[in-house]
Amino acid sequence: MSNVFLKEMGFKQSVVDHSVFYQHTSDEHTIVAVATDDMVLMSKRMIDAKTFKTKIRRRWDITDHRPINWFLGFEIKRDREARTISINQHAYIEGIVEKYGLTNAKPLQHP
């Protein structure tokens, strides 16, 4: 998959996380995060996302679950009107709290 992104599609690979690929030009800013057989695509323009999906379909069968609400345990919320995206792990945190019986724990005090 890396070869397809890098050599055939012209993406660059993040030096921080090798499962993240990106394209950045004056017009385009597209990011793809890959996790085993799942990926999430973020793009400034809808046409760039459509172009990416068209190219990737030439190599693999894909299922498009847009808009995405969950990815790898992260909840993703988008407010188009406010032009914001927020990501949280509330479900994961609540699961840990329940698993370890921390419902009566006192919050940490920050100095």
PDB file of N, CA and C in Angstrom:
ATOM      1  N   MET A   1       0.831  -1.183   0.000  1.00  0.00           N
ATOM      2  CA  MET A   1       0.000   0.000   0.000  1.00  0.00           C
ATOM      3  C   MET A   1       0.880   1.252   0.000  1.00  0.00           C
ATOM      4  N   SER A   2       1.955   1.199   0.768  1.00  0.00           N
ATOM      5  CA  SER A   2       2.864   2.348   0.810  1.00  0.00           C
ATOM      6  C   SER A   2       3.399   2.669  -0.574  1.00  0.00           C
ATOM      7  N   ASN A   3       3.779   1.636  -1.331  1.00  0.00           N
ATOM      8  CA  ASN A   3       4.304   1.862  -2.677  1.00  0.00           C
ATOM      9  C   ASN A   3       3.278   2.533  -3.578  1.00  0.00           C
ATOM     10  N   VAL A   4       2.027   2.132  -3.455  1.00  0.00           N
ATOM     11  CA  VAL A   4       0.970   2.739  -4.263  1.00  0.00           C
ATOM     12  C   VAL A   4       0.835   4.212  -3.898  1.00  0.00           C
ATOM     13  N   PHE A   5       0.749   4.515  -2.609  1.00  0.00           N
ATOM     14  CA  PHE A   5       0.612   5.907  -2.187  1.00  0.00           C
ATOM     15  C   PHE A   5       1.810   6.746  -2.606  1.00  0.00           C
ATOM     16  N   LEU A   6       3.012   6.222  -2.367  1.00  0.00           N
ATOM     17  CA  LEU A   6       4.226   6.996  -2.599  1.00  0.00           C
ATOM     18  C   LEU A   6       4.613   7.071  -4.074  1.00  0.00           C
ATOM     19  N   LYS A   7       4.645   5.941  -4.755  1.00  0.00           N
ATOM     20  CA  LYS A   7       5.163   5.903  -6.120  1.00  0.00           C
ATOM     21  C   LYS A   7       4.107   6.174  -7.183  1.00  0.00           C
ATOM     22  N   GLU A   8       2.906   5.648  -6.985  1.00  0.00           N
ATOM     23  CA  GLU A   8       1.878   5.800  -8.018  1.00  0.00           C
ATOM     24  C   GLU A   8       1.020   7.048  -7.823  1.00  0.00           C
ATOM     25  N   MET A   9       0.788   7.435  -6.581  1.00  0.00           N
ATOM     26  CA  MET A   9      -0.133   8.540  -6.323  1.00  0.00           C
ATOM     27  C   MET A   9       0.564   9.826  -5.893  1.00  0.00           C
ATOM     28  N   GLY A  10       1.859   9.771  -5.652  1.00  0.00           N
ATOM     29  CA  GLY A  10       2.601  10.984  -5.334  1.00  0.00           C
ATOM     30  C   GLY A  10       2.453  11.495  -3.916  1.00  0.00           C
ATOM     31  N   PHE A  11       2.021  10.643  -3.007  1.00  0.00           N
ATOM     32  CA  PHE A  11       1.906  11.049  -1.605  1.00  0.00           C
ATOM     33  C   PHE A  11       3.286  11.025  -0.954  1.00  0.00           C
ATOM     34  N   LYS A  12       3.402  11.708   0.157  1.00  0.00           N
ATOM     35  CA  LYS A  12       4.591  11.644   1.004  1.00  0.00           C
ATOM     36  C   LYS A  12       4.193  10.941   2.286  1.00  0.00           C
ATOM     37  N   GLN A  13       5.170  10.336   2.947  1.00  0.00           N
ATOM     38  CA  GLN A  13       4.906   9.596   4.179  1.00  0.00           C
ATOM     39  C   GLN A  13       5.339  10.437   5.366  1.00  0.00           C
ATOM     40  N   SER A  14       4.523  10.480   6.387  1.00  0.00           N
ATOM     41  CA  SER A  14       4.853  11.222   7.603  1.00  0.00           C
ATOM     42  C   SER A  14       6.090  10.611   8.262  1.00  0.00           C
ATOM     43  N   VAL A  15       6.993  11.457   8.714  1.00  0.00           N
ATOM     44  CA  VAL A  15       8.166  10.949   9.431  1.00  0.00           C
ATOM     45  C   VAL A  15       7.812  10.633  10.877  1.00  0.00           C
ATOM     46  N   VAL A  16       6.723  11.179  11.363  1.00  0.00           N
ATOM     47  CA  VAL A  16       6.288  10.943  12.741  1.00  0.00           C
ATOM     48  C   VAL A  16       5.505   9.644  12.858  1.00  0.00           C
ATOM     49  N   ASP A  17       4.652   9.362  11.891  1.00  0.00           N
ATOM     50  CA  ASP A  17       3.828   8.151  11.897  1.00  0.00           C
ATOM     51  C   ASP A  17       3.812   7.595  10.478  1.00  0.00           C
ATOM     52  N   HIS A  18       4.459   6.476  10.251  1.00  0.00           N
ATOM     53  CA  HIS A  18       4.606   5.922   8.911  1.00  0.00           C
ATOM     54  C   HIS A  18       3.312   5.379   8.332  1.00  0.00           C
ATOM     55  N   SER A  19       2.236   5.386   9.101  1.00  0.00           N
ATOM     56  CA  SER A  19       0.939   4.955   8.564  1.00  0.00           C
ATOM     57  C   SER A  19       0.103   6.147   8.117  1.00  0.00           C
ATOM     58  N   VAL A  20       0.700   7.326   8.104  1.00  0.00           N
ATOM     59  CA  VAL A  20       0.019   8.537   7.654  1.00  0.00           C
ATOM     60  C   VAL A  20       0.711   9.049   6.388  1.00  0.00           C
ATOM     61  N   PHE A  21      -0.092   9.315   5.361  1.00  0.00           N
ATOM     62  CA  PHE A  21       0.402   9.795   4.079  1.00  0.00           C
ATOM     63  C   PHE A  21      -0.293  11.116   3.757  1.00  0.00           C
ATOM     64  N   TYR A  22       0.396  11.975   3.011  1.00  0.00           N
ATOM     65  CA  TYR A  22      -0.198  13.281   2.716  1.00  0.00           C
ATOM     66  C   TYR A  22       0.258  13.809   1.364  1.00  0.00           C
ATOM     67  N   GLN A  23      -0.583  14.670   0.796  1.00  0.00           N
ATOM     68  CA  GLN A  23      -0.263  15.449  -0.392  1.00  0.00           C
ATOM     69  C   GLN A  23      -0.578  16.887  -0.048  1.00  0.00           C
ATOM     70  N   HIS A  24       0.343  17.764  -0.375  1.00  0.00           N
ATOM     71  CA  HIS A  24       0.125  19.178  -0.066  1.00  0.00           C
ATOM     72  C   HIS A  24       0.652  20.022  -1.215  1.00  0.00           C
ATOM     73  N   THR A  25      -0.252  20.739  -1.852  1.00  0.00           N
ATOM     74  CA  THR A  25       0.112  21.693  -2.896  1.00  0.00           C
ATOM     75  C   THR A  25      -0.602  22.999  -2.568  1.00  0.00           C
ATOM     76  N   SER A  26      -0.471  23.979  -3.442  1.00  0.00           N
ATOM     77  CA  SER A  26      -1.158  25.249  -3.191  1.00  0.00           C
ATOM     78  C   SER A  26      -2.680  25.072  -3.188  1.00  0.00           C
ATOM     79  N   ASP A  27      -3.170  24.081  -3.938  1.00  0.00           N
ATOM     80  CA  ASP A  27      -4.616  23.844  -4.022  1.00  0.00           C
ATOM     81  C   ASP A  27      -5.107  22.684  -3.169  1.00  0.00           C
ATOM     82  N   GLU A  28      -4.257  21.707  -2.960  1.00  0.00           N
ATOM     83  CA  GLU A  28      -4.694  20.464  -2.333  1.00  0.00           C
ATOM     84  C   GLU A  28      -3.995  20.222  -1.000  1.00  0.00           C
ATOM     85  N   HIS A  29      -4.769  19.706  -0.070  1.00  0.00           N
ATOM     86  CA  HIS A  29      -4.205  19.241   1.201  1.00  0.00           C
ATOM     87  C   HIS A  29      -4.996  18.000   1.592  1.00  0.00           C
ATOM     88  N   THR A  30      -4.421  16.831   1.335  1.00  0.00           N
ATOM     89  CA  THR A  30      -5.092  15.558   1.588  1.00  0.00           C
ATOM     90  C   THR A  30      -4.234  14.723   2.522  1.00  0.00           C
ATOM     91  N   ILE A  31      -4.877  14.118   3.514  1.00  0.00           N
ATOM     92  CA  ILE A  31      -4.191  13.269   4.480  1.00  0.00           C
ATOM     93  C   ILE A  31      -4.927  11.932   4.531  1.00  0.00           C
ATOM     94  N   VAL A  32      -4.159  10.831   4.538  1.00  0.00           N
ATOM     95  CA  VAL A  32      -4.722   9.488   4.646  1.00  0.00           C
ATOM     96  C   VAL A  32      -4.031   8.775   5.795  1.00  0.00           C
ATOM     97  N   ALA A  33      -4.806   8.300   6.760  1.00  0.00           N
ATOM     98  CA  ALA A  33      -4.283   7.506   7.872  1.00  0.00           C
ATOM     99  C   ALA A  33      -4.723   6.063   7.648  1.00  0.00           C
ATOM    100  N   VAL A  34      -3.769   5.143   7.745  1.00  0.00           N
ATOM    101  CA  VAL A  34      -4.038   3.731   7.471  1.00  0.00           C
ATOM    102  C   VAL A  34      -3.828   2.917   8.738  1.00  0.00           C
ATOM    103  N   ALA A  35      -4.760   1.997   8.997  1.00  0.00           N
ATOM    104  CA  ALA A  35      -4.644   1.074  10.129  1.00  0.00           C
ATOM    105  C   ALA A  35      -5.110  -0.296   9.647  1.00  0.00           C
ATOM    106  N   THR A  36      -4.153  -1.187   9.387  1.00  0.00           N
ATOM    107  CA  THR A  36      -4.397  -2.532   8.865  1.00  0.00           C
ATOM    108  C   THR A  36      -5.218  -2.457   7.583  1.00  0.00           C
ATOM    109  N   ASP A  37      -6.516  -2.748   7.643  1.00  0.00           N
ATOM    110  CA  ASP A  37      -7.330  -2.691   6.433  1.00  0.00           C
ATOM    111  C   ASP A  37      -8.356  -1.559   6.480  1.00  0.00           C
ATOM    112  N   ASP A  38      -8.138  -0.607   7.357  1.00  0.00           N
ATOM    113  CA  ASP A  38      -9.000   0.569   7.444  1.00  0.00           C
ATOM    114  C   ASP A  38      -8.179   1.803   7.118  1.00  0.00           C
ATOM    115  N   MET A  39      -8.836   2.788   6.550  1.00  0.00           N
ATOM    116  CA  MET A  39      -8.169   4.063   6.352  1.00  0.00           C
ATOM    117  C   MET A  39      -9.197   5.175   6.473  1.00  0.00           C
ATOM    118  N   VAL A  40      -8.693   6.325   6.862  1.00  0.00           N
ATOM    119  CA  VAL A  40      -9.534   7.506   6.933  1.00  0.00           C
ATOM    120  C   VAL A  40      -8.873   8.559   6.056  1.00  0.00           C
ATOM    121  N   LEU A  41      -9.691   9.257   5.303  1.00  0.00           N
ATOM    122  CA  LEU A  41      -9.239  10.251   4.339  1.00  0.00           C
ATOM    123  C   LEU A  41      -9.764  11.611   4.755  1.00  0.00           C
ATOM    124  N   MET A  42      -8.876  12.582   4.794  1.00  0.00           N
ATOM    125  CA  MET A  42      -9.273  13.958   5.083  1.00  0.00           C
ATOM    126  C   MET A  42      -8.741  14.838   3.971  1.00  0.00           C
ATOM    127  N   SER A  43      -9.570  15.721   3.470  1.00  0.00           N
ATOM    128  CA  SER A  43      -9.138  16.579   2.386  1.00  0.00           C
ATOM    129  C   SER A  43      -9.831  17.928   2.474  1.00  0.00           C
ATOM    130  N   LYS A  44      -9.117  18.930   2.065  1.00  0.00           N
ATOM    131  CA  LYS A  44      -9.647  20.295   2.080  1.00  0.00           C
ATOM    132  C   LYS A  44     -10.787  20.441   1.072  1.00  0.00           C
ATOM    133  N   ARG A  45     -10.638  19.773  -0.075  1.00  0.00           N
ATOM    134  CA  ARG A  45     -11.640  19.883  -1.134  1.00  0.00           C
ATOM    135  C   ARG A  45     -12.252  18.518  -1.433  1.00  0.00           C
ATOM    136  N   MET A  46     -13.544  18.496  -1.676  1.00  0.00           N
ATOM    137  CA  MET A  46     -14.256  17.256  -1.977  1.00  0.00           C
ATOM    138  C   MET A  46     -13.720  16.604  -3.243  1.00  0.00           C
ATOM    139  N   ILE A  47     -13.356  17.374  -4.244  1.00  0.00           N
ATOM    140  CA  ILE A  47     -12.859  16.817  -5.497  1.00  0.00           C
ATOM    141  C   ILE A  47     -11.587  16.008  -5.280  1.00  0.00           C
ATOM    142  N   ASP A  48     -10.736  16.440  -4.359  1.00  0.00           N
ATOM    143  CA  ASP A  48      -9.505  15.703  -4.078  1.00  0.00           C
ATOM    144  C   ASP A  48      -9.803  14.371  -3.399  1.00  0.00           C
ATOM    145  N   ALA A  49     -10.795  14.346  -2.528  1.00  0.00           N
ATOM    146  CA  ALA A  49     -11.206  13.095  -1.889  1.00  0.00           C
ATOM    147  C   ALA A  49     -11.785  12.143  -2.931  1.00  0.00           C
ATOM    148  N   LYS A  50     -12.603  12.661  -3.834  1.00  0.00           N
ATOM    149  CA  LYS A  50     -13.183  11.816  -4.888  1.00  0.00           C
ATOM    150  C   LYS A  50     -12.105  11.268  -5.814  1.00  0.00           C
ATOM    151  N   THR A  51     -11.135  12.105  -6.165  1.00  0.00           N
ATOM    152  CA  THR A  51     -10.038  11.666  -7.022  1.00  0.00           C
ATOM    153  C   THR A  51      -9.240  10.563  -6.346  1.00  0.00           C
ATOM    154  N   PHE A  52      -8.949  10.738  -5.057  1.00  0.00           N
ATOM    155  CA  PHE A  52      -8.221   9.711  -4.312  1.00  0.00           C
ATOM    156  C   PHE A  52      -8.976   8.389  -4.344  1.00  0.00           C
ATOM    157  N   LYS A  53     -10.271   8.425  -4.060  1.00  0.00           N
ATOM    158  CA  LYS A  53     -11.066   7.199  -4.022  1.00  0.00           C
ATOM    159  C   LYS A  53     -11.137   6.526  -5.396  1.00  0.00           C
ATOM    160  N   THR A  54     -11.214   7.315  -6.444  1.00  0.00           N
ATOM    161  CA  THR A  54     -11.217   6.752  -7.800  1.00  0.00           C
ATOM    162  C   THR A  54      -9.912   6.026  -8.078  1.00  0.00           C
ATOM    163  N   LYS A  55      -8.794   6.644  -7.708  1.00  0.00           N
ATOM    164  CA  LYS A  55      -7.482   6.020  -7.941  1.00  0.00           C
ATOM    165  C   LYS A  55      -7.302   4.757  -7.099  1.00  0.00           C
ATOM    166  N   ILE A  56      -7.729   4.795  -5.861  1.00  0.00           N
ATOM    167  CA  ILE A  56      -7.522   3.655  -4.966  1.00  0.00           C
ATOM    168  C   ILE A  56      -8.403   2.476  -5.387  1.00  0.00           C
ATOM    169  N   ARG A  57      -9.583   2.778  -5.948  1.00  0.00           N
ATOM    170  CA  ARG A  57     -10.487   1.711  -6.425  1.00  0.00           C
ATOM    171  C   ARG A  57      -9.900   0.958  -7.611  1.00  0.00           C
ATOM    172  N   ARG A  58      -8.956   1.554  -8.308  1.00  0.00           N
ATOM    173  CA  ARG A  58      -8.295   0.857  -9.416  1.00  0.00           C
ATOM    174  C   ARG A  58      -7.432  -0.293  -8.909  1.00  0.00           C
ATOM    175  N   ARG A  59      -7.021  -0.226  -7.655  1.00  0.00           N
ATOM    176  CA  ARG A  59      -6.138  -1.238  -7.068  1.00  0.00           C
ATOM    177  C   ARG A  59      -6.875  -2.181  -6.126  1.00  0.00           C
ATOM    178  N   TRP A  60      -7.809  -1.668  -5.347  1.00  0.00           N
ATOM    179  CA  TRP A  60      -8.487  -2.472  -4.322  1.00  0.00           C
ATOM    180  C   TRP A  60      -9.976  -2.163  -4.293  1.00  0.00           C
ATOM    181  N   ASP A  61     -10.737  -3.155  -3.834  1.00  0.00           N
ATOM    182  CA  ASP A  61     -12.154  -2.923  -3.549  1.00  0.00           C
ATOM    183  C   ASP A  61     -12.221  -2.165  -2.236  1.00  0.00           C
ATOM    184  N   ILE A  62     -12.977  -1.104  -2.209  1.00  0.00           N
ATOM    185  CA  ILE A  62     -13.112  -0.331  -0.976  1.00  0.00           C
ATOM    186  C   ILE A  62     -14.583  -0.142  -0.644  1.00  0.00           C
ATOM    187  N   THR A  63     -14.838   0.081   0.624  1.00  0.00           N
ATOM    188  CA  THR A  63     -16.168   0.424   1.114  1.00  0.00           C
ATOM    189  C   THR A  63     -16.080   1.818   1.703  1.00  0.00           C
ATOM    190  N   ASP A  64     -16.939   2.683   1.251  1.00  0.00           N
ATOM    191  CA  ASP A  64     -16.923   4.073   1.697  1.00  0.00           C
ATOM    192  C   ASP A  64     -17.996   4.259   2.771  1.00  0.00           C
ATOM    193  N   HIS A  65     -17.569   4.531   4.003  1.00  0.00           N
ATOM    194  CA  HIS A  65     -18.491   4.692   5.127  1.00  0.00           C
ATOM    195  C   HIS A  65     -18.633   6.156   5.531  1.00  0.00           C
ATOM    196  N   ARG A  66     -18.639   7.028   4.583  1.00  0.00           N
ATOM    197  CA  ARG A  66     -18.667   8.440   4.948  1.00  0.00           C
ATOM    198  C   ARG A  66     -20.051   8.867   5.370  1.00  0.00           C
ATOM    199  N   PRO A  67     -20.240   9.852   6.154  1.00  0.00           N
ATOM    200  CA  PRO A  67     -19.170  10.477   6.928  1.00  0.00           C
ATOM    201  C   PRO A  67     -18.748   9.568   8.079  1.00  0.00           C
ATOM    202  N   ILE A  68     -17.528   9.695   8.475  1.00  0.00           N
ATOM    203  CA  ILE A  68     -16.974   8.835   9.517  1.00  0.00           C
ATOM    204  C   ILE A  68     -17.278   9.424  10.900  1.00  0.00           C
ATOM    205  N   ASN A  69     -17.707   8.568  11.810  1.00  0.00           N
ATOM    206  CA  ASN A  69     -17.980   9.002  13.180  1.00  0.00           C
ATOM    207  C   ASN A  69     -17.015   8.379  14.185  1.00  0.00           C
ATOM    208  N   TRP A  70     -16.432   7.220  13.814  1.00  0.00           N
ATOM    209  CA  TRP A  70     -15.503   6.511  14.704  1.00  0.00           C
ATOM    210  C   TRP A  70     -14.341   5.982  13.892  1.00  0.00           C
ATOM    211  N   PHE A  71     -13.136   6.041  14.437  1.00  0.00           N
ATOM    212  CA  PHE A  71     -11.960   5.449  13.806  1.00  0.00           C
ATOM    213  C   PHE A  71     -10.988   5.048  14.896  1.00  0.00           C
ATOM    214  N   LEU A  72     -10.708   3.746  15.000  1.00  0.00           N
ATOM    215  CA  LEU A  72      -9.770   3.203  15.990  1.00  0.00           C
ATOM    216  C   LEU A  72     -10.091   3.634  17.417  1.00  0.00           C
ATOM    217  N   GLY A  73     -11.357   3.659  17.751  1.00  0.00           N
ATOM    218  CA  GLY A  73     -11.763   4.014  19.107  1.00  0.00           C
ATOM    219  C   GLY A  73     -11.888   5.504  19.359  1.00  0.00           C
ATOM    220  N   PHE A  74     -11.582   6.314  18.370  1.00  0.00           N
ATOM    221  CA  PHE A  74     -11.737   7.757  18.499  1.00  0.00           C
ATOM    222  C   PHE A  74     -13.086   8.171  17.935  1.00  0.00           C
ATOM    223  N   GLU A  75     -13.797   9.002  18.662  1.00  0.00           N
ATOM    224  CA  GLU A  75     -15.034   9.565  18.147  1.00  0.00           C
ATOM    225  C   GLU A  75     -14.689  10.852  17.409  1.00  0.00           C
ATOM    226  N   ILE A  76     -15.231  11.003  16.220  1.00  0.00           N
ATOM    227  CA  ILE A  76     -14.940  12.163  15.389  1.00  0.00           C
ATOM    228  C   ILE A  76     -16.235  12.921  15.160  1.00  0.00           C
ATOM    229  N   LYS A  77     -16.235  14.194  15.515  1.00  0.00           N
ATOM    230  CA  LYS A  77     -17.412  15.046  15.326  1.00  0.00           C
ATOM    231  C   LYS A  77     -17.028  16.219  14.439  1.00  0.00           C
ATOM    232  N   ARG A  78     -17.861  16.474  13.445  1.00  0.00           N
ATOM    233  CA  ARG A  78     -17.599  17.572  12.534  1.00  0.00           C
ATOM    234  C   ARG A  78     -18.764  18.541  12.561  1.00  0.00           C
ATOM    235  N   ASP A  79     -18.456  19.812  12.688  1.00  0.00           N
ATOM    236  CA  ASP A  79     -19.455  20.872  12.634  1.00  0.00           C
ATOM    237  C   ASP A  79     -19.122  21.724  11.414  1.00  0.00           C
ATOM    238  N   ARG A  80     -19.800  21.450  10.316  1.00  0.00           N
ATOM    239  CA  ARG A  80     -19.503  22.155   9.057  1.00  0.00           C
ATOM    240  C   ARG A  80     -19.773  23.659   9.184  1.00  0.00           C
ATOM    241  N   GLU A  81     -20.832  24.012   9.880  1.00  0.00           N
ATOM    242  CA  GLU A  81     -21.167  25.430  10.023  1.00  0.00           C
ATOM    243  C   GLU A  81     -20.060  26.187  10.753  1.00  0.00           C
ATOM    244  N   ALA A  82     -19.564  25.607  11.828  1.00  0.00           N
ATOM    245  CA  ALA A  82     -18.493  26.245  12.596  1.00  0.00           C
ATOM    246  C   ALA A  82     -17.109  25.955  11.996  1.00  0.00           C
ATOM    247  N   ARG A  83     -17.079  25.051  11.006  1.00  0.00           N
ATOM    248  CA  ARG A  83     -15.828  24.654  10.342  1.00  0.00           C
ATOM    249  C   ARG A  83     -14.826  24.077  11.342  1.00  0.00           C
ATOM    250  N   THR A  84     -15.336  23.136  12.178  1.00  0.00           N
ATOM    251  CA  THR A  84     -14.478  22.512  13.186  1.00  0.00           C
ATOM    252  C   THR A  84     -14.601  20.989  13.125  1.00  0.00           C
ATOM    253  N   ILE A  85     -13.552  20.334  13.577  1.00  0.00           N
ATOM    254  CA  ILE A  85     -13.541  18.891  13.765  1.00  0.00           C
ATOM    255  C   ILE A  85     -13.002  18.643  15.159  1.00  0.00           C
ATOM    256  N   SER A  86     -13.685  17.813  15.932  1.00  0.00           N
ATOM    257  CA  SER A  86     -13.186  17.458  17.264  1.00  0.00           C
ATOM    258  C   SER A  86     -13.061  15.938  17.350  1.00  0.00           C
ATOM    259  N   ILE A  87     -12.053  15.504  18.076  1.00  0.00           N
ATOM    260  CA  ILE A  87     -11.774  14.080  18.247  1.00  0.00           C
ATOM    261  C   ILE A  87     -11.641  13.801  19.734  1.00  0.00           C
ATOM    262  N   ASN A  88     -12.297  12.753  20.202  1.00  0.00           N
ATOM    263  CA  ASN A  88     -12.195  12.413  21.624  1.00  0.00           C
ATOM    264  C   ASN A  88     -12.179  10.905  21.813  1.00  0.00           C
ATOM    265  N   GLN A  89     -11.855  10.507  23.031  1.00  0.00           N
ATOM    266  CA  GLN A  89     -11.857   9.088  23.405  1.00  0.00           C
ATOM    267  C   GLN A  89     -12.754   8.852  24.612  1.00  0.00           C
ATOM    268  N   HIS A  90     -13.887   9.518  24.667  1.00  0.00           N
ATOM    269  CA  HIS A  90     -14.802   9.382  25.802  1.00  0.00           C
ATOM    270  C   HIS A  90     -15.185   7.928  26.061  1.00  0.00           C
ATOM    271  N   ALA A  91     -15.527   7.189  25.006  1.00  0.00           N
ATOM    272  CA  ALA A  91     -15.959   5.796  25.187  1.00  0.00           C
ATOM    273  C   ALA A  91     -14.837   4.959  25.786  1.00  0.00           C
ATOM    274  N   TYR A  92     -13.615   5.161  25.335  1.00  0.00           N
ATOM    275  CA  TYR A  92     -12.463   4.434  25.870  1.00  0.00           C
ATOM    276  C   TYR A  92     -12.254   4.769  27.346  1.00  0.00           C
ATOM    277  N   ILE A  93     -12.299   6.036  27.664  1.00  0.00           N
ATOM    278  CA  ILE A  93     -12.099   6.481  29.051  1.00  0.00           C
ATOM    279  C   ILE A  93     -13.201   5.932  29.954  1.00  0.00           C
ATOM    280  N   GLU A  94     -14.439   5.995  29.495  1.00  0.00           N
ATOM    281  CA  GLU A  94     -15.549   5.470  30.295  1.00  0.00           C
ATOM    282  C   GLU A  94     -15.396   3.962  30.508  1.00  0.00           C
ATOM    283  N   GLY A  95     -14.903   3.243  29.493  1.00  0.00           N
ATOM    284  CA  GLY A  95     -14.667   1.804  29.626  1.00  0.00           C
ATOM    285  C   GLY A  95     -13.604   1.501  30.669  1.00  0.00           C
ATOM    286  N   ILE A  96     -12.531   2.284  30.696  1.00  0.00           N
ATOM    287  CA  ILE A  96     -11.468   2.109  31.691  1.00  0.00           C
ATOM    288  C   ILE A  96     -12.006   2.409  33.090  1.00  0.00           C
ATOM    289  N   VAL A  97     -12.760   3.479  33.203  1.00  0.00           N
ATOM    290  CA  VAL A  97     -13.344   3.846  34.501  1.00  0.00           C
ATOM    291  C   VAL A  97     -14.234   2.725  35.011  1.00  0.00           C
ATOM    292  N   GLU A  98     -15.063   2.176  34.132  1.00  0.00           N
ATOM    293  CA  GLU A  98     -15.958   1.090  34.537  1.00  0.00           C
ATOM    294  C   GLU A  98     -15.175  -0.191  34.850  1.00  0.00           C
ATOM    295  N   LYS A  99     -14.212  -0.531  34.011  1.00  0.00           N
ATOM    296  CA  LYS A  99     -13.431  -1.753  34.183  1.00  0.00           C
ATOM    297  C   LYS A  99     -12.695  -1.776  35.524  1.00  0.00           C
ATOM    298  N   TYR A 100     -12.135  -0.658  35.927  1.00  0.00           N
ATOM    299  CA  TYR A 100     -11.335  -0.601  37.142  1.00  0.00           C
ATOM    300  C   TYR A 100     -12.083   0.012  38.323  1.00  0.00           C
ATOM    301  N   GLY A 101     -13.370   0.195  38.166  1.00  0.00           N
ATOM    302  CA  GLY A 101     -14.183   0.686  39.277  1.00  0.00           C
ATOM    303  C   GLY A 101     -13.759   2.062  39.774  1.00  0.00           C
ATOM    304  N   LEU A 102     -13.457   2.944  38.884  1.00  0.00           N
ATOM    305  CA  LEU A 102     -12.965   4.264  39.257  1.00  0.00           C
ATOM    306  C   LEU A 102     -14.054   5.323  39.317  1.00  0.00           C
ATOM    307  N   THR A 103     -15.288   4.901  39.398  1.00  0.00           N
ATOM    308  CA  THR A 103     -16.384   5.869  39.368  1.00  0.00           C
ATOM    309  C   THR A 103     -16.375   6.790  40.577  1.00  0.00           C
ATOM    310  N   ASN A 104     -15.818   6.352  41.694  1.00  0.00           N
ATOM    311  CA  ASN A 104     -15.763   7.202  42.889  1.00  0.00           C
ATOM    312  C   ASN A 104     -14.401   7.863  43.074  1.00  0.00           C
ATOM    313  N   ALA A 105     -13.541   7.732  42.107  1.00  0.00           N
ATOM    314  CA  ALA A 105     -12.197   8.310  42.217  1.00  0.00           C
ATOM    315  C   ALA A 105     -12.264   9.813  42.185  1.00  0.00           C
ATOM    316  N   LYS A 106     -11.385  10.437  42.929  1.00  0.00           N
ATOM    317  CA  LYS A 106     -11.304  11.900  42.945  1.00  0.00           C
ATOM    318  C   LYS A 106     -10.501  12.358  41.731  1.00  0.00           C
ATOM    319  N   PRO A 107     -10.905  13.472  41.119  1.00  0.00           N
ATOM    320  CA  PRO A 107     -10.136  13.983  39.984  1.00  0.00           C
ATOM    321  C   PRO A 107      -8.742  14.425  40.428  1.00  0.00           C
ATOM    322  N   LEU A 108      -7.800  14.314  39.510  1.00  0.00           N
ATOM    323  CA  LEU A 108      -6.442  14.763  39.807  1.00  0.00           C
ATOM    324  C   LEU A 108      -6.430  16.277  39.981  1.00  0.00           C
ATOM    325  N   GLN A 109      -5.650  16.721  40.917  1.00  0.00           N
ATOM    326  CA  GLN A 109      -5.477  18.157  41.161  1.00  0.00           C
ATOM    327  C   GLN A 109      -4.238  18.633  40.440  1.00  0.00           C
ATOM    328  N   HIS A 110      -4.387  19.633  39.620  1.00  0.00           N
ATOM    329  CA  HIS A 110      -3.250  20.194  38.916  1.00  0.00           C
ATOM    330  C   HIS A 110      -2.721  21.384  39.694  1.00  0.00           C
ATOM    331  N   PRO A 111      -1.395  21.471  39.827  1.00  0.00           N
ATOM    332  CA  PRO A 111      -0.826  22.580  40.607  1.00  0.00           C
ATOM    333  C   PRO A 111      -1.090  23.937  39.991  1.00  0.00           C
TER     334      PRO A 111
END
